[in-house]
């Protein structure tokens, strides 16, 4: 298990989360296995950028119990962070998003810009 970031006070404020600032976010072997199995191409292209995506996202959102970190690179890449039963936060998945979907989510207020 490796720490890949923290939940910043800015993200907590924007998303109105009840989480302590600088709560660590980890990446475990099972998370990597999921990303490799379910999103092989995306993980191959962007897996080495998980820390960067979490620490400097273009957008953040909260949906279905997950904090969504979305970064605009050559395409939009999302890292979803979920809390485990022992209150540990993990980067659970990574995949690319359709630009139209990102624009719609921003327009309806489910993704918030950070830049």
Protein backbone atom coordinates (compact mmCIF):
# COMPACT_ATOMS: atom_id res chain seq x y z
CA UNK A 1 0.00 0.00 0.00
CA UNK A 2 1.40 3.36 -1.09
CA UNK A 3 0.20 6.84 -0.23
CA UNK A 4 -0.66 8.70 -3.45
CA UNK A 5 -2.08 11.93 -2.04
CA UNK A 6 -4.23 13.60 0.57
CA UNK A 7 -7.73 15.01 0.63
CA UNK A 8 -7.02 18.72 0.74
CA UNK A 9 -8.98 21.35 2.61
CA UNK A 10 -9.89 22.90 -0.75
CA UNK A 11 -11.52 19.67 -1.96
CA UNK A 12 -13.24 19.21 1.41
CA UNK A 13 -14.62 22.75 1.25
CA UNK A 14 -15.79 22.55 -2.37
CA UNK A 15 -17.51 19.19 -1.87
CA UNK A 16 -18.68 19.95 1.70
CA UNK A 17 -17.20 16.74 3.04
CA UNK A 18 -16.95 15.77 6.68
CA UNK A 19 -13.33 14.63 6.48
CA UNK A 20 -10.21 15.89 8.23
CA UNK A 21 -7.91 17.95 5.96
CA UNK A 22 -4.86 16.07 4.70
CA UNK A 23 -6.51 12.67 5.15
CA UNK A 24 -4.22 10.28 3.26
CA UNK A 25 -5.25 8.50 0.06
CA UNK A 26 -3.65 5.13 -0.61
CA UNK A 27 -3.24 2.80 -3.58
CA UNK A 28 -3.19 -0.91 -2.77
CA UNK A 29 -2.42 -4.02 -4.77
CA UNK A 30 -6.11 -4.89 -5.19
CA UNK A 31 -6.81 -1.40 -6.54
CA UNK A 32 -4.01 -1.74 -9.08
CA UNK A 33 -5.26 -5.22 -10.06
CA UNK A 34 -8.76 -3.80 -10.64
CA UNK A 35 -7.44 -0.94 -12.80
CA UNK A 36 -5.25 -3.28 -14.84
CA UNK A 37 -8.12 -5.74 -15.36
CA UNK A 38 -11.00 -3.33 -15.98
CA UNK A 39 -9.25 -0.33 -17.55
CA UNK A 40 -6.05 -1.81 -18.94
CA UNK A 41 -5.43 0.73 -21.71
CA UNK A 42 -6.22 3.76 -19.52
CA UNK A 43 -4.14 2.42 -16.64
CA UNK A 44 -1.25 1.73 -19.01
CA UNK A 45 -1.34 5.31 -20.26
CA UNK A 46 -2.10 7.17 -17.03
CA UNK A 47 -1.46 4.86 -14.08
CA UNK A 48 1.85 6.56 -13.38
CA UNK A 49 -0.01 9.89 -13.01
CA UNK A 50 -2.42 8.93 -10.22
CA UNK A 51 -0.60 11.08 -7.67
CA UNK A 52 -0.56 14.08 -10.03
CA UNK A 53 -4.27 13.67 -10.84
CA UNK A 54 -5.18 13.60 -7.14
CA UNK A 55 -2.94 16.47 -6.13
CA UNK A 56 -3.73 18.83 -9.02
CA UNK A 57 -7.08 17.92 -10.58
CA UNK A 58 -8.87 20.13 -13.09
CA UNK A 59 -12.23 19.19 -11.55
CA UNK A 60 -13.53 17.44 -8.43
CA UNK A 61 -16.89 15.91 -7.70
CA UNK A 62 -18.64 13.54 -5.34
CA UNK A 63 -20.86 10.80 -6.69
CA UNK A 64 -22.06 7.44 -5.42
CA UNK A 65 -19.86 7.62 -2.34
CA UNK A 66 -16.70 8.45 -4.26
CA UNK A 67 -14.58 11.56 -4.49
CA UNK A 68 -13.91 12.07 -8.20
CA UNK A 69 -10.65 13.69 -9.27
CA UNK A 70 -10.68 14.59 -12.97
CA UNK A 71 -7.63 15.98 -14.74
CA UNK A 72 -7.48 17.30 -18.27
CA UNK A 73 -4.43 15.81 -19.93
CA UNK A 74 -4.49 14.78 -23.58
CA UNK A 75 -7.91 13.46 -22.51
CA UNK A 76 -9.93 13.69 -19.30
CA UNK A 77 -8.75 11.13 -16.76
CA UNK A 78 -10.73 10.32 -13.62
CA UNK A 79 -9.47 8.76 -10.39
CA UNK A 80 -12.25 7.73 -8.02
CA UNK A 81 -11.41 7.59 -4.31
CA UNK A 82 -13.56 5.61 -1.87
CA UNK A 83 -13.41 5.00 1.85
CA UNK A 84 -13.04 1.42 3.09
CA UNK A 85 -14.81 -0.13 6.07
CA UNK A 86 -11.83 0.81 8.27
CA UNK A 87 -12.06 4.51 7.22
CA UNK A 88 -9.04 4.34 4.92
CA UNK A 89 -9.32 6.18 1.60
CA UNK A 90 -8.17 4.35 -1.53
CA UNK A 91 -7.80 5.30 -5.19
CA UNK A 92 -10.18 2.61 -6.42
CA UNK A 93 -10.26 3.13 -10.16
CA UNK A 94 -8.89 5.18 -13.03
CA UNK A 95 -10.34 5.69 -16.48
CA UNK A 96 -10.77 8.25 -19.24
CA UNK A 97 -13.96 10.26 -19.68
CA UNK A 98 -15.75 11.55 -22.74
CA UNK A 99 -15.26 15.36 -23.01
CA UNK A 100 -19.01 15.87 -23.62
CA UNK A 101 -19.80 14.02 -20.39
CA UNK A 102 -17.33 16.18 -18.46
CA UNK A 103 -18.87 19.36 -19.91
CA UNK A 104 -22.38 18.19 -18.97
CA UNK A 105 -21.29 17.31 -15.43
CA UNK A 106 -19.71 20.76 -15.01
CA UNK A 107 -22.82 22.46 -16.42
CA UNK A 108 -25.16 20.63 -14.05
CA UNK A 109 -22.90 21.25 -11.05
CA UNK A 110 -21.69 17.74 -10.30
CA UNK A 111 -18.06 18.54 -11.19
CA UNK A 112 -16.41 21.67 -9.84
CA UNK A 113 -13.39 23.41 -11.42
CA UNK A 114 -10.23 23.87 -9.38
CA UNK A 115 -8.28 25.94 -11.89
